Amino acid sequence: MEPPSASPRAGRGPWQELLLAGLTLNLWNPPTTAQVTVESVPPNAAEGKDVLLRVLNLPGDLLGYWFRGKSVETNNRIVSYVVNTQVIPGHAHSGRETAYPNGSLLFQNITLKDTGYYTLQIITNDIQVEQVPGQLRVFHKRSTTGLPVGSIIGIALGVLIGVALMATLAYFLLCTRTGRPCPSQQLHIPGLLAQPHERGSYIPGITTP
């Protein structure tokens, strides 16, 4: 009787089985290319500042287009470019946009009208077309306190008038209680219509002699 033939698995340890399984998975699942994304830097910007639509994971040697809005129509094209080679302004170019070799788009001196969506269209060497959305958020420029300049001025004037009114009332009360002569028989309060008072007339908190 002939001895049984050796099995192909004979003499193979558990670690060898795991190694073989890992190699098989790598052959069936090749590494995928990272997805192209667009982010705004900074995410929110005040008008008059510069903002960058930064492109991440952009493959090299391709043709790209930047469009204003979600539509890739010719009239909405800001720039077209070949990565690391050439940049051509489009119909929607305002003179404030600059395309970088890595595909990122810089906006200088942004305005509230720049708020909205933008679309990056890329065409790879194997004629694959992909559209990647981006967005700019622009807010109205305010003072460092977060209040409009006109409101700050109004508050300051109100405080000054209030302080002056309180100082005037305190001075006349002091004159009344101590019997010291006051420089005037008439109390002038900003914002109030002052009329001459006869002797012995009464003003709340103050009695004229």
N, C-alpha and C. Protein backbone atom coordinates (compact mmCIF):
# COMPACT_ATOMS: atom_id res chain seq x y z
N MET A 1 0.86 -1.19 0.00
CA MET A 1 0.00 0.00 0.00
C MET A 1 0.89 1.23 0.00
N GLU A 2 0.56 2.15 -0.86
CA GLU A 2 1.36 3.37 -0.94
C GLU A 2 1.01 4.32 0.19
N PRO A 3 1.99 5.04 0.72
CA PRO A 3 1.71 6.00 1.80
C PRO A 3 0.87 7.15 1.27
N PRO A 4 0.00 7.68 2.09
CA PRO A 4 -0.84 8.80 1.62
C PRO A 4 0.01 9.99 1.24
N SER A 5 -0.42 10.68 0.19
CA SER A 5 0.33 11.87 -0.27
C SER A 5 0.23 12.98 0.75
N ALA A 6 1.26 13.80 0.84
CA ALA A 6 1.31 14.91 1.82
C ALA A 6 0.35 16.00 1.42
N SER A 7 -0.38 16.49 2.39
CA SER A 7 -1.32 17.59 2.14
C SER A 7 -0.57 18.89 1.93
N PRO A 8 -1.08 19.80 1.05
CA PRO A 8 -0.41 21.10 0.83
C PRO A 8 -0.34 21.92 2.11
N ARG A 9 -1.23 21.68 3.07
CA ARG A 9 -1.25 22.47 4.29
C ARG A 9 -0.35 21.90 5.35
N ALA A 10 0.28 20.72 5.02
CA ALA A 10 1.10 20.08 6.04
C ALA A 10 2.29 20.94 6.38
N GLY A 11 2.57 21.04 7.67
CA GLY A 11 3.74 21.79 8.13
C GLY A 11 3.56 23.30 8.14
N ARG A 12 2.34 23.82 7.89
CA ARG A 12 2.08 25.27 7.85
C ARG A 12 1.50 25.69 9.19
N GLY A 13 2.17 26.61 9.86
CA GLY A 13 1.74 27.05 11.16
C GLY A 13 0.62 28.09 11.08
N PRO A 14 -0.03 28.44 12.23
CA PRO A 14 -1.12 29.44 12.24
C PRO A 14 -0.69 30.80 11.75
N TRP A 15 0.55 31.22 12.08
CA TRP A 15 0.99 32.55 11.66
C TRP A 15 1.13 32.63 10.15
N GLN A 16 1.51 31.48 9.53
CA GLN A 16 1.61 31.46 8.07
C GLN A 16 0.25 31.58 7.41
N GLU A 17 -0.76 30.96 8.04
CA GLU A 17 -2.13 31.07 7.52
C GLU A 17 -2.60 32.52 7.56
N LEU A 18 -2.31 33.23 8.66
CA LEU A 18 -2.72 34.63 8.78
C LEU A 18 -2.00 35.50 7.76
N LEU A 19 -0.71 35.23 7.54
CA LEU A 19 0.05 36.00 6.57
C LEU A 19 -0.51 35.81 5.17
N LEU A 20 -0.84 34.57 4.83
CA LEU A 20 -1.41 34.30 3.51
C LEU A 20 -2.76 34.98 3.33
N ALA A 21 -3.56 34.96 4.39
CA ALA A 21 -4.87 35.63 4.31
C ALA A 21 -4.71 37.12 4.11
N GLY A 22 -3.74 37.75 4.80
CA GLY A 22 -3.51 39.18 4.64
C GLY A 22 -3.07 39.55 3.24
N LEU A 23 -2.19 38.74 2.66
CA LEU A 23 -1.74 39.01 1.29
C LEU A 23 -2.89 38.90 0.30
N THR A 24 -3.76 37.91 0.53
CA THR A 24 -4.91 37.74 -0.36
C THR A 24 -5.85 38.94 -0.30
N LEU A 25 -6.09 39.48 0.92
CA LEU A 25 -6.96 40.64 1.06
C LEU A 25 -6.37 41.86 0.37
N ASN A 26 -5.05 42.02 0.45
CA ASN A 26 -4.41 43.16 -0.20
C ASN A 26 -4.53 43.09 -1.71
N LEU A 27 -4.48 41.85 -2.25
CA LEU A 27 -4.61 41.71 -3.69
C LEU A 27 -6.02 42.03 -4.16
N TRP A 28 -7.02 41.67 -3.37
CA TRP A 28 -8.41 41.91 -3.75
C TRP A 28 -8.88 43.31 -3.42
N ASN A 29 -8.22 43.99 -2.48
CA ASN A 29 -8.63 45.34 -2.07
C ASN A 29 -7.44 46.29 -2.17
N PRO A 30 -7.10 46.75 -3.36
CA PRO A 30 -6.00 47.69 -3.51
C PRO A 30 -6.31 49.01 -2.82
N PRO A 31 -5.28 49.75 -2.35
CA PRO A 31 -5.51 51.01 -1.64
C PRO A 31 -6.22 52.02 -2.52
N THR A 32 -7.21 52.71 -1.95
CA THR A 32 -7.99 53.70 -2.69
C THR A 32 -7.38 55.09 -2.54
N THR A 33 -7.62 55.94 -3.53
CA THR A 33 -7.12 57.31 -3.49
C THR A 33 -7.98 58.16 -2.56
N ALA A 34 -7.33 59.01 -1.76
CA ALA A 34 -8.06 59.86 -0.83
C ALA A 34 -9.00 60.79 -1.59
N GLN A 35 -10.18 61.04 -1.01
CA GLN A 35 -11.19 61.86 -1.67
C GLN A 35 -10.79 63.32 -1.66
N VAL A 36 -11.02 63.99 -2.78
CA VAL A 36 -10.72 65.43 -2.89
C VAL A 36 -11.79 66.21 -2.12
N THR A 37 -11.35 67.14 -1.29
CA THR A 37 -12.28 67.98 -0.51
C THR A 37 -11.84 69.43 -0.59
N VAL A 38 -12.79 70.33 -0.29
CA VAL A 38 -12.53 71.78 -0.27
C VAL A 38 -12.97 72.32 1.09
N GLU A 39 -12.12 73.11 1.72
CA GLU A 39 -12.46 73.74 2.99
C GLU A 39 -12.12 75.22 2.95
N SER A 40 -12.91 76.02 3.67
CA SER A 40 -12.70 77.46 3.73
C SER A 40 -11.80 77.80 4.91
N VAL A 41 -10.78 78.62 4.66
CA VAL A 41 -9.85 79.05 5.70
C VAL A 41 -9.77 80.57 5.71
N PRO A 42 -10.33 81.24 6.77
CA PRO A 42 -11.04 80.66 7.90
C PRO A 42 -12.47 80.25 7.50
N PRO A 43 -13.16 79.48 8.36
CA PRO A 43 -14.52 79.04 8.03
C PRO A 43 -15.50 80.20 7.90
N ASN A 44 -15.33 81.25 8.73
CA ASN A 44 -16.17 82.45 8.68
C ASN A 44 -15.24 83.66 8.70
N ALA A 45 -15.49 84.62 7.83
CA ALA A 45 -14.59 85.77 7.71
C ALA A 45 -15.37 87.06 7.60
N ALA A 46 -14.79 88.13 8.15
CA ALA A 46 -15.40 89.46 8.04
C ALA A 46 -15.09 90.06 6.68
N GLU A 47 -16.02 90.84 6.17
CA GLU A 47 -15.80 91.48 4.88
C GLU A 47 -14.53 92.35 4.92
N GLY A 48 -13.82 92.35 3.81
CA GLY A 48 -12.56 93.07 3.74
C GLY A 48 -11.35 92.20 4.01
N LYS A 49 -11.56 90.99 4.51
CA LYS A 49 -10.45 90.08 4.80
C LYS A 49 -10.18 89.18 3.59
N ASP A 50 -9.14 88.35 3.70
CA ASP A 50 -8.81 87.36 2.66
C ASP A 50 -9.25 85.98 3.12
N VAL A 51 -9.76 85.18 2.18
CA VAL A 51 -10.22 83.83 2.49
C VAL A 51 -9.69 82.88 1.43
N LEU A 52 -9.29 81.68 1.87
CA LEU A 52 -8.76 80.67 0.97
C LEU A 52 -9.70 79.46 0.91
N LEU A 53 -10.10 79.08 -0.30
CA LEU A 53 -10.76 77.80 -0.50
C LEU A 53 -9.66 76.79 -0.78
N ARG A 54 -9.29 76.06 0.26
CA ARG A 54 -8.15 75.15 0.17
C ARG A 54 -8.59 73.77 -0.31
N VAL A 55 -7.85 73.25 -1.28
CA VAL A 55 -8.15 71.93 -1.85
C VAL A 55 -7.23 70.90 -1.21
N LEU A 56 -7.82 69.81 -0.74
CA LEU A 56 -7.06 68.73 -0.10
C LEU A 56 -7.12 67.46 -0.95
N ASN A 57 -6.02 66.74 -0.98
CA ASN A 57 -5.90 65.44 -1.67
C ASN A 57 -6.10 65.55 -3.17
N LEU A 58 -5.66 66.66 -3.75
CA LEU A 58 -5.83 66.84 -5.20
C LEU A 58 -4.74 66.05 -5.94
N PRO A 59 -5.11 65.15 -6.85
CA PRO A 59 -4.09 64.42 -7.63
C PRO A 59 -3.39 65.35 -8.62
N GLY A 60 -2.19 65.00 -9.01
CA GLY A 60 -1.42 65.86 -9.91
C GLY A 60 -1.76 65.63 -11.37
N ASP A 61 -1.23 66.52 -12.20
CA ASP A 61 -1.38 66.41 -13.66
C ASP A 61 -2.83 66.31 -14.09
N LEU A 62 -3.60 67.33 -13.79
CA LEU A 62 -5.00 67.32 -14.22
C LEU A 62 -5.44 68.72 -14.60
N LEU A 63 -6.62 68.79 -15.21
CA LEU A 63 -7.24 70.06 -15.61
C LEU A 63 -8.32 70.39 -14.60
N GLY A 64 -8.37 71.65 -14.18
CA GLY A 64 -9.35 72.03 -13.18
C GLY A 64 -10.05 73.34 -13.53
N TYR A 65 -11.27 73.50 -12.97
CA TYR A 65 -12.06 74.71 -13.16
C TYR A 65 -12.68 75.10 -11.83
N TRP A 66 -12.71 76.39 -11.57
CA TRP A 66 -13.45 76.93 -10.41
C TRP A 66 -14.66 77.70 -10.93
N PHE A 67 -15.83 77.41 -10.35
CA PHE A 67 -17.06 78.08 -10.74
C PHE A 67 -17.70 78.75 -9.54
N ARG A 68 -18.36 79.87 -9.80
CA ARG A 68 -19.13 80.56 -8.77
C ARG A 68 -20.55 79.97 -8.75
N GLY A 69 -20.94 79.42 -7.60
CA GLY A 69 -22.24 78.77 -7.49
C GLY A 69 -22.12 77.26 -7.67
N LYS A 70 -23.28 76.61 -7.77
CA LYS A 70 -23.33 75.16 -7.91
C LYS A 70 -23.36 74.70 -9.36
N SER A 71 -23.54 75.65 -10.29
CA SER A 71 -23.63 75.31 -11.70
C SER A 71 -22.27 75.47 -12.37
N VAL A 72 -21.94 74.54 -13.28
CA VAL A 72 -20.65 74.60 -13.98
C VAL A 72 -20.83 75.18 -15.39
N GLU A 73 -21.61 76.25 -15.46
CA GLU A 73 -21.79 76.93 -16.73
C GLU A 73 -20.61 77.86 -17.02
N THR A 74 -20.39 78.13 -18.30
CA THR A 74 -19.24 78.94 -18.70
C THR A 74 -19.26 80.33 -18.08
N ASN A 75 -20.44 80.94 -17.98
CA ASN A 75 -20.54 82.29 -17.43
C ASN A 75 -20.18 82.33 -15.95
N ASN A 76 -20.23 81.20 -15.27
CA ASN A 76 -19.91 81.15 -13.84
C ASN A 76 -18.45 80.78 -13.57
N ARG A 77 -17.67 80.57 -14.62
CA ARG A 77 -16.30 80.12 -14.45
C ARG A 77 -15.41 81.25 -13.96
N ILE A 78 -14.71 81.01 -12.85
CA ILE A 78 -13.79 82.00 -12.30
C ILE A 78 -12.42 81.85 -12.93
N VAL A 79 -11.87 80.64 -12.88
CA VAL A 79 -10.56 80.36 -13.49
C VAL A 79 -10.57 78.93 -14.01
N SER A 80 -9.72 78.67 -14.99
CA SER A 80 -9.41 77.31 -15.43
C SER A 80 -7.90 77.17 -15.37
N TYR A 81 -7.43 75.97 -15.07
CA TYR A 81 -5.99 75.81 -14.89
C TYR A 81 -5.57 74.36 -15.12
N VAL A 82 -4.29 74.23 -15.47
CA VAL A 82 -3.63 72.93 -15.46
C VAL A 82 -2.72 72.96 -14.24
N VAL A 83 -2.87 71.98 -13.35
CA VAL A 83 -2.15 71.99 -12.08
C VAL A 83 -0.65 72.17 -12.32
N ASN A 84 -0.07 73.13 -11.58
CA ASN A 84 1.37 73.43 -11.64
C ASN A 84 1.83 73.97 -12.99
N THR A 85 0.90 74.39 -13.87
CA THR A 85 1.31 74.82 -15.20
C THR A 85 0.77 76.20 -15.58
N GLN A 86 -0.54 76.34 -15.72
CA GLN A 86 -1.13 77.55 -16.31
C GLN A 86 -2.47 77.85 -15.67
N VAL A 87 -2.76 79.15 -15.54
CA VAL A 87 -4.04 79.62 -14.99
C VAL A 87 -4.64 80.63 -15.95
N ILE A 88 -5.92 80.45 -16.29
CA ILE A 88 -6.60 81.34 -17.23
C ILE A 88 -7.86 81.88 -16.56
N PRO A 89 -8.00 83.23 -16.40
CA PRO A 89 -9.21 83.79 -15.80
C PRO A 89 -10.44 83.51 -16.66
N GLY A 90 -11.60 83.37 -15.99
CA GLY A 90 -12.85 83.13 -16.69
C GLY A 90 -13.79 84.32 -16.64
N HIS A 91 -15.04 84.12 -17.11
CA HIS A 91 -16.01 85.21 -17.18
C HIS A 91 -16.35 85.75 -15.79
N ALA A 92 -16.36 84.92 -14.76
CA ALA A 92 -16.76 85.35 -13.43
C ALA A 92 -15.58 85.82 -12.58
N HIS A 93 -14.42 85.98 -13.18
CA HIS A 93 -13.25 86.45 -12.44
C HIS A 93 -13.38 87.95 -12.16
N SER A 94 -13.27 88.34 -10.89
CA SER A 94 -13.45 89.74 -10.51
C SER A 94 -12.14 90.49 -10.36
N GLY A 95 -11.01 89.81 -10.49
CA GLY A 95 -9.72 90.44 -10.28
C GLY A 95 -9.21 90.26 -8.87
N ARG A 96 -10.03 89.69 -7.98
CA ARG A 96 -9.62 89.48 -6.59
C ARG A 96 -9.34 88.01 -6.28
N GLU A 97 -9.47 87.14 -7.29
CA GLU A 97 -9.26 85.71 -7.07
C GLU A 97 -7.90 85.29 -7.64
N THR A 98 -7.22 84.42 -6.90
CA THR A 98 -5.93 83.90 -7.33
C THR A 98 -5.92 82.39 -7.14
N ALA A 99 -5.63 81.65 -8.21
CA ALA A 99 -5.54 80.20 -8.15
C ALA A 99 -4.09 79.80 -7.90
N TYR A 100 -3.88 78.89 -6.96
CA TYR A 100 -2.55 78.40 -6.62
C TYR A 100 -2.26 77.10 -7.36
N PRO A 101 -0.96 76.73 -7.46
CA PRO A 101 -0.60 75.50 -8.18
C PRO A 101 -1.27 74.24 -7.65
N ASN A 102 -1.64 74.22 -6.36
CA ASN A 102 -2.28 73.04 -5.79
C ASN A 102 -3.80 73.05 -5.96
N GLY A 103 -4.32 74.03 -6.73
CA GLY A 103 -5.75 74.09 -6.98
C GLY A 103 -6.53 74.98 -6.04
N SER A 104 -5.94 75.41 -4.94
CA SER A 104 -6.64 76.26 -3.97
C SER A 104 -6.92 77.63 -4.58
N LEU A 105 -8.00 78.27 -4.12
CA LEU A 105 -8.43 79.55 -4.67
C LEU A 105 -8.48 80.59 -3.56
N LEU A 106 -7.73 81.68 -3.74
CA LEU A 106 -7.66 82.76 -2.74
C LEU A 106 -8.57 83.91 -3.16
N PHE A 107 -9.38 84.39 -2.21
CA PHE A 107 -10.21 85.59 -2.40
C PHE A 107 -9.62 86.72 -1.57
N GLN A 108 -9.34 87.84 -2.21
CA GLN A 108 -8.80 89.00 -1.51
C GLN A 108 -9.89 90.06 -1.33
N ASN A 109 -9.87 90.70 -0.14
CA ASN A 109 -10.81 91.78 0.14
C ASN A 109 -12.25 91.34 -0.15
N ILE A 110 -12.68 90.28 0.50
CA ILE A 110 -14.00 89.71 0.21
C ILE A 110 -15.11 90.67 0.62
N THR A 111 -16.25 90.52 -0.03
CA THR A 111 -17.44 91.32 0.26
C THR A 111 -18.59 90.37 0.62
N LEU A 112 -19.68 90.96 1.07
CA LEU A 112 -20.86 90.15 1.41
C LEU A 112 -21.40 89.42 0.18
N LYS A 113 -21.17 89.99 -1.02
CA LYS A 113 -21.65 89.35 -2.25
C LYS A 113 -20.89 88.06 -2.56
N ASP A 114 -19.71 87.88 -1.94
CA ASP A 114 -18.94 86.66 -2.18
C ASP A 114 -19.49 85.47 -1.39
N THR A 115 -20.41 85.73 -0.48
CA THR A 115 -21.00 84.64 0.30
C THR A 115 -21.73 83.67 -0.62
N GLY A 116 -21.54 82.37 -0.38
CA GLY A 116 -22.27 81.39 -1.17
C GLY A 116 -21.44 80.17 -1.50
N TYR A 117 -21.94 79.40 -2.47
CA TYR A 117 -21.31 78.13 -2.85
C TYR A 117 -20.40 78.32 -4.06
N TYR A 118 -19.37 77.47 -4.11
CA TYR A 118 -18.44 77.43 -5.22
C TYR A 118 -18.20 75.96 -5.59
N THR A 119 -17.85 75.73 -6.85
CA THR A 119 -17.66 74.37 -7.33
C THR A 119 -16.31 74.22 -8.01
N LEU A 120 -15.58 73.21 -7.57
CA LEU A 120 -14.31 72.84 -8.22
C LEU A 120 -14.58 71.63 -9.11
N GLN A 121 -14.31 71.77 -10.40
CA GLN A 121 -14.46 70.65 -11.33
C GLN A 121 -13.08 70.21 -11.78
N ILE A 122 -12.77 68.93 -11.61
CA ILE A 122 -11.45 68.41 -11.99
C ILE A 122 -11.63 67.31 -13.02
N ILE A 123 -10.67 67.28 -13.97
CA ILE A 123 -10.66 66.26 -15.02
C ILE A 123 -9.29 65.60 -14.99
N THR A 124 -9.25 64.31 -14.68
CA THR A 124 -7.99 63.59 -14.55
C THR A 124 -7.48 63.12 -15.91
N ASN A 125 -6.27 62.55 -15.89
CA ASN A 125 -5.67 62.09 -17.15
C ASN A 125 -6.46 60.97 -17.80
N ASP A 126 -7.19 60.19 -16.99
CA ASP A 126 -7.99 59.11 -17.57
C ASP A 126 -9.42 59.57 -17.85
N ILE A 127 -9.60 60.90 -18.00
CA ILE A 127 -10.88 61.51 -18.40
C ILE A 127 -11.97 61.23 -17.38
N GLN A 128 -11.62 61.19 -16.14
CA GLN A 128 -12.61 61.10 -15.07
C GLN A 128 -12.96 62.50 -14.59
N VAL A 129 -14.25 62.85 -14.55
CA VAL A 129 -14.70 64.18 -14.16
C VAL A 129 -15.30 64.11 -12.75
N GLU A 130 -14.88 65.03 -11.91
CA GLU A 130 -15.39 65.07 -10.54
C GLU A 130 -15.68 66.52 -10.15
N GLN A 131 -16.77 66.72 -9.43
CA GLN A 131 -17.15 68.05 -8.96
C GLN A 131 -17.12 68.06 -7.43
N VAL A 132 -16.42 69.05 -6.88
CA VAL A 132 -16.25 69.14 -5.43
C VAL A 132 -16.81 70.49 -4.96
N PRO A 133 -17.77 70.51 -4.03
CA PRO A 133 -18.37 71.78 -3.58
C PRO A 133 -17.52 72.46 -2.51
N GLY A 134 -17.65 73.77 -2.45
CA GLY A 134 -17.03 74.58 -1.40
C GLY A 134 -17.98 75.70 -1.04
N GLN A 135 -17.71 76.38 0.07
CA GLN A 135 -18.62 77.43 0.52
C GLN A 135 -17.85 78.52 1.25
N LEU A 136 -18.24 79.78 0.98
CA LEU A 136 -17.70 80.93 1.70
C LEU A 136 -18.80 81.53 2.57
N ARG A 137 -18.43 81.87 3.81
CA ARG A 137 -19.36 82.53 4.73
C ARG A 137 -18.72 83.86 5.13
N VAL A 138 -19.36 84.95 4.72
CA VAL A 138 -18.85 86.30 4.99
C VAL A 138 -19.87 87.04 5.83
N PHE A 139 -19.41 87.68 6.92
CA PHE A 139 -20.32 88.45 7.76
C PHE A 139 -19.90 89.91 7.79
N HIS A 140 -20.87 90.77 8.17
CA HIS A 140 -20.65 92.21 8.18
C HIS A 140 -19.60 92.57 9.21
N LYS A 141 -18.67 93.43 8.84
CA LYS A 141 -17.59 93.81 9.74
C LYS A 141 -18.12 94.68 10.87
N ARG A 142 -17.79 94.30 12.10
CA ARG A 142 -18.21 95.04 13.28
C ARG A 142 -17.00 95.47 14.08
N SER A 143 -17.25 96.26 15.13
CA SER A 143 -16.17 96.68 15.99
C SER A 143 -15.70 95.50 16.82
N THR A 144 -14.60 95.68 17.55
CA THR A 144 -14.04 94.60 18.36
C THR A 144 -14.97 94.20 19.48
N THR A 145 -15.92 95.08 19.89
CA THR A 145 -16.86 94.76 20.95
C THR A 145 -18.06 94.00 20.43
N GLY A 146 -18.19 93.90 19.11
CA GLY A 146 -19.34 93.21 18.53
C GLY A 146 -20.52 94.12 18.29
N LEU A 147 -20.40 95.44 18.60
CA LEU A 147 -21.48 96.39 18.40
C LEU A 147 -21.13 97.34 17.27
N PRO A 148 -22.13 97.82 16.53
CA PRO A 148 -21.84 98.82 15.50
C PRO A 148 -21.26 100.08 16.13
N VAL A 149 -20.45 100.79 15.33
CA VAL A 149 -19.79 102.00 15.84
C VAL A 149 -20.81 103.04 16.28
N GLY A 150 -21.92 103.21 15.55
CA GLY A 150 -22.94 104.18 15.93
C GLY A 150 -23.55 103.88 17.29
N SER A 151 -23.75 102.60 17.60
CA SER A 151 -24.30 102.24 18.90
C SER A 151 -23.34 102.58 20.03
N ILE A 152 -22.06 102.37 19.79
CA ILE A 152 -21.06 102.68 20.82
C ILE A 152 -21.04 104.18 21.11
N ILE A 153 -21.10 105.01 20.06
CA ILE A 153 -21.11 106.46 20.25
C ILE A 153 -22.35 106.89 21.03
N GLY A 154 -23.52 106.31 20.68
CA GLY A 154 -24.75 106.65 21.38
C GLY A 154 -24.69 106.29 22.86
N ILE A 155 -24.13 105.14 23.16
CA ILE A 155 -24.01 104.72 24.57
C ILE A 155 -23.09 105.66 25.32
N ALA A 156 -21.96 106.04 24.70
CA ALA A 156 -21.01 106.93 25.36
C ALA A 156 -21.64 108.29 25.65
N LEU A 157 -22.38 108.84 24.68
CA LEU A 157 -23.03 110.13 24.91
C LEU A 157 -24.07 110.04 26.02
N GLY A 158 -24.82 108.94 26.04
CA GLY A 158 -25.82 108.76 27.10
C GLY A 158 -25.19 108.71 28.48
N VAL A 159 -24.06 108.04 28.59
CA VAL A 159 -23.36 107.97 29.88
C VAL A 159 -22.87 109.35 30.31
N LEU A 160 -22.30 110.11 29.37
CA LEU A 160 -21.79 111.44 29.71
C LEU A 160 -22.92 112.37 30.16
N ILE A 161 -24.05 112.34 29.47
CA ILE A 161 -25.18 113.19 29.85
C ILE A 161 -25.70 112.79 31.23
N GLY A 162 -25.78 111.48 31.47
CA GLY A 162 -26.23 111.02 32.78
C GLY A 162 -25.33 111.46 33.90
N VAL A 163 -24.02 111.37 33.69
CA VAL A 163 -23.07 111.80 34.72
C VAL A 163 -23.21 113.29 34.98
N ALA A 164 -23.34 114.11 33.90
CA ALA A 164 -23.48 115.55 34.08
C ALA A 164 -24.76 115.89 34.84
N LEU A 165 -25.86 115.21 34.55
CA LEU A 165 -27.13 115.45 35.24
C LEU A 165 -27.02 115.11 36.72
N MET A 166 -26.43 113.98 37.05
CA MET A 166 -26.28 113.58 38.44
C MET A 166 -25.39 114.55 39.21
N ALA A 167 -24.31 115.04 38.55
CA ALA A 167 -23.43 115.99 39.21
C ALA A 167 -24.14 117.31 39.50
N THR A 168 -24.98 117.77 38.54
CA THR A 168 -25.73 119.02 38.73
C THR A 168 -26.72 118.89 39.86
N LEU A 169 -27.48 117.80 39.91
CA LEU A 169 -28.45 117.59 40.98
C LEU A 169 -27.76 117.51 42.34
N ALA A 170 -26.64 116.80 42.40
CA ALA A 170 -25.92 116.66 43.67
C ALA A 170 -25.43 118.02 44.16
N TYR A 171 -24.98 118.87 43.25
CA TYR A 171 -24.46 120.19 43.66
C TYR A 171 -25.57 121.07 44.23
N PHE A 172 -26.71 121.08 43.57
CA PHE A 172 -27.80 121.92 44.06
C PHE A 172 -28.40 121.38 45.36
N LEU A 173 -28.43 120.08 45.52
CA LEU A 173 -28.88 119.51 46.80
C LEU A 173 -27.95 119.90 47.92
N LEU A 174 -26.66 119.90 47.63
CA LEU A 174 -25.68 120.29 48.64
C LEU A 174 -25.86 121.75 49.03
N CYS A 175 -26.13 122.60 48.04
CA CYS A 175 -26.36 124.02 48.34
C CYS A 175 -27.59 124.20 49.21
N THR A 176 -28.65 123.47 48.90
CA THR A 176 -29.91 123.59 49.65
C THR A 176 -29.75 123.15 51.09
N ARG A 177 -29.09 122.05 51.32
CA ARG A 177 -28.98 121.51 52.67
C ARG A 177 -27.99 122.27 53.54
N THR A 178 -26.96 122.83 52.96
CA THR A 178 -25.94 123.54 53.76
C THR A 178 -26.23 125.03 53.85
N GLY A 179 -27.17 125.52 53.05
CA GLY A 179 -27.47 126.94 53.07
C GLY A 179 -26.48 127.79 52.32
N ARG A 180 -25.61 127.16 51.61
CA ARG A 180 -24.62 127.92 50.83
C ARG A 180 -25.31 128.58 49.64
N PRO A 181 -24.88 129.76 49.26
CA PRO A 181 -25.48 130.42 48.09
C PRO A 181 -25.13 129.68 46.81
N CYS A 182 -26.11 129.49 45.99
CA CYS A 182 -25.89 128.85 44.70
C CYS A 182 -25.62 129.91 43.65
N PRO A 183 -24.84 129.62 42.65
CA PRO A 183 -24.52 130.64 41.64
C PRO A 183 -25.70 131.04 40.79
N SER A 184 -26.78 130.29 40.81
CA SER A 184 -27.94 130.63 40.00
C SER A 184 -29.20 130.19 40.70
N GLN A 185 -30.28 130.92 40.52
CA GLN A 185 -31.56 130.57 41.09
C GLN A 185 -32.32 129.60 40.17
N GLN A 186 -31.75 129.33 39.03
CA GLN A 186 -32.43 128.49 38.04
C GLN A 186 -31.62 127.23 37.82
N LEU A 187 -32.27 126.12 37.86
CA LEU A 187 -31.62 124.84 37.65
C LEU A 187 -31.68 124.48 36.16
N HIS A 188 -30.54 124.32 35.57
CA HIS A 188 -30.46 123.98 34.15
C HIS A 188 -30.14 122.50 34.03
N ILE A 189 -31.07 121.75 33.48
CA ILE A 189 -30.88 120.32 33.30
C ILE A 189 -30.91 120.04 31.80
N PRO A 190 -29.87 119.43 31.27
CA PRO A 190 -29.84 119.14 29.82
C PRO A 190 -31.06 118.35 29.39
N GLY A 191 -31.68 118.81 28.30
CA GLY A 191 -32.83 118.10 27.76
C GLY A 191 -34.16 118.55 28.34
N LEU A 192 -34.16 119.40 29.38
CA LEU A 192 -35.40 119.88 29.96
C LEU A 192 -35.57 121.35 29.64
N LEU A 193 -36.82 121.80 29.47
CA LEU A 193 -37.11 123.20 29.19
C LEU A 193 -37.14 123.95 30.51
N ALA A 194 -36.17 124.80 30.69
CA ALA A 194 -36.07 125.55 31.95
C ALA A 194 -36.79 126.87 31.80
N GLN A 195 -37.67 127.18 32.75
CA GLN A 195 -38.40 128.43 32.80
C GLN A 195 -38.07 129.16 34.10
N PRO A 196 -38.09 130.49 34.08
CA PRO A 196 -37.83 131.24 35.32
C PRO A 196 -38.87 130.87 36.37
N HIS A 197 -38.42 130.67 37.61
CA HIS A 197 -39.30 130.32 38.71
C HIS A 197 -39.41 131.49 39.69
N GLU A 198 -40.63 131.71 40.16
CA GLU A 198 -40.82 132.76 41.16
C GLU A 198 -40.27 132.28 42.50
N ARG A 199 -40.06 133.18 43.39
CA ARG A 199 -39.51 132.88 44.69
C ARG A 199 -40.44 131.91 45.42
N GLY A 200 -39.87 130.88 45.95
CA GLY A 200 -40.63 129.90 46.69
C GLY A 200 -41.19 128.80 45.84
N SER A 201 -40.88 128.78 44.50
CA SER A 201 -41.37 127.70 43.65
C SER A 201 -40.62 126.43 43.99
N TYR A 202 -41.22 125.32 43.59
CA TYR A 202 -40.70 124.03 44.02
C TYR A 202 -40.30 123.18 42.82
N ILE A 203 -39.12 122.60 42.91
CA ILE A 203 -38.63 121.63 41.94
C ILE A 203 -38.38 120.36 42.71
N PRO A 204 -38.82 119.21 42.24
CA PRO A 204 -38.67 117.98 43.00
C PRO A 204 -37.26 117.79 43.51
N GLY A 205 -37.16 117.72 44.84
CA GLY A 205 -35.86 117.52 45.47
C GLY A 205 -35.13 118.79 45.78
N ILE A 206 -35.61 119.94 45.17
CA ILE A 206 -34.93 121.23 45.37
C ILE A 206 -35.97 122.29 45.60
N THR A 207 -35.80 123.09 46.60
CA THR A 207 -36.68 124.24 46.85
C THR A 207 -35.86 125.49 46.72
N THR A 208 -36.25 126.36 45.81
CA THR A 208 -35.50 127.61 45.63
C THR A 208 -35.87 128.56 46.71
N PRO A 209 -34.95 129.35 47.18
CA PRO A 209 -35.24 130.34 48.26
C PRO A 209 -36.16 131.41 47.79
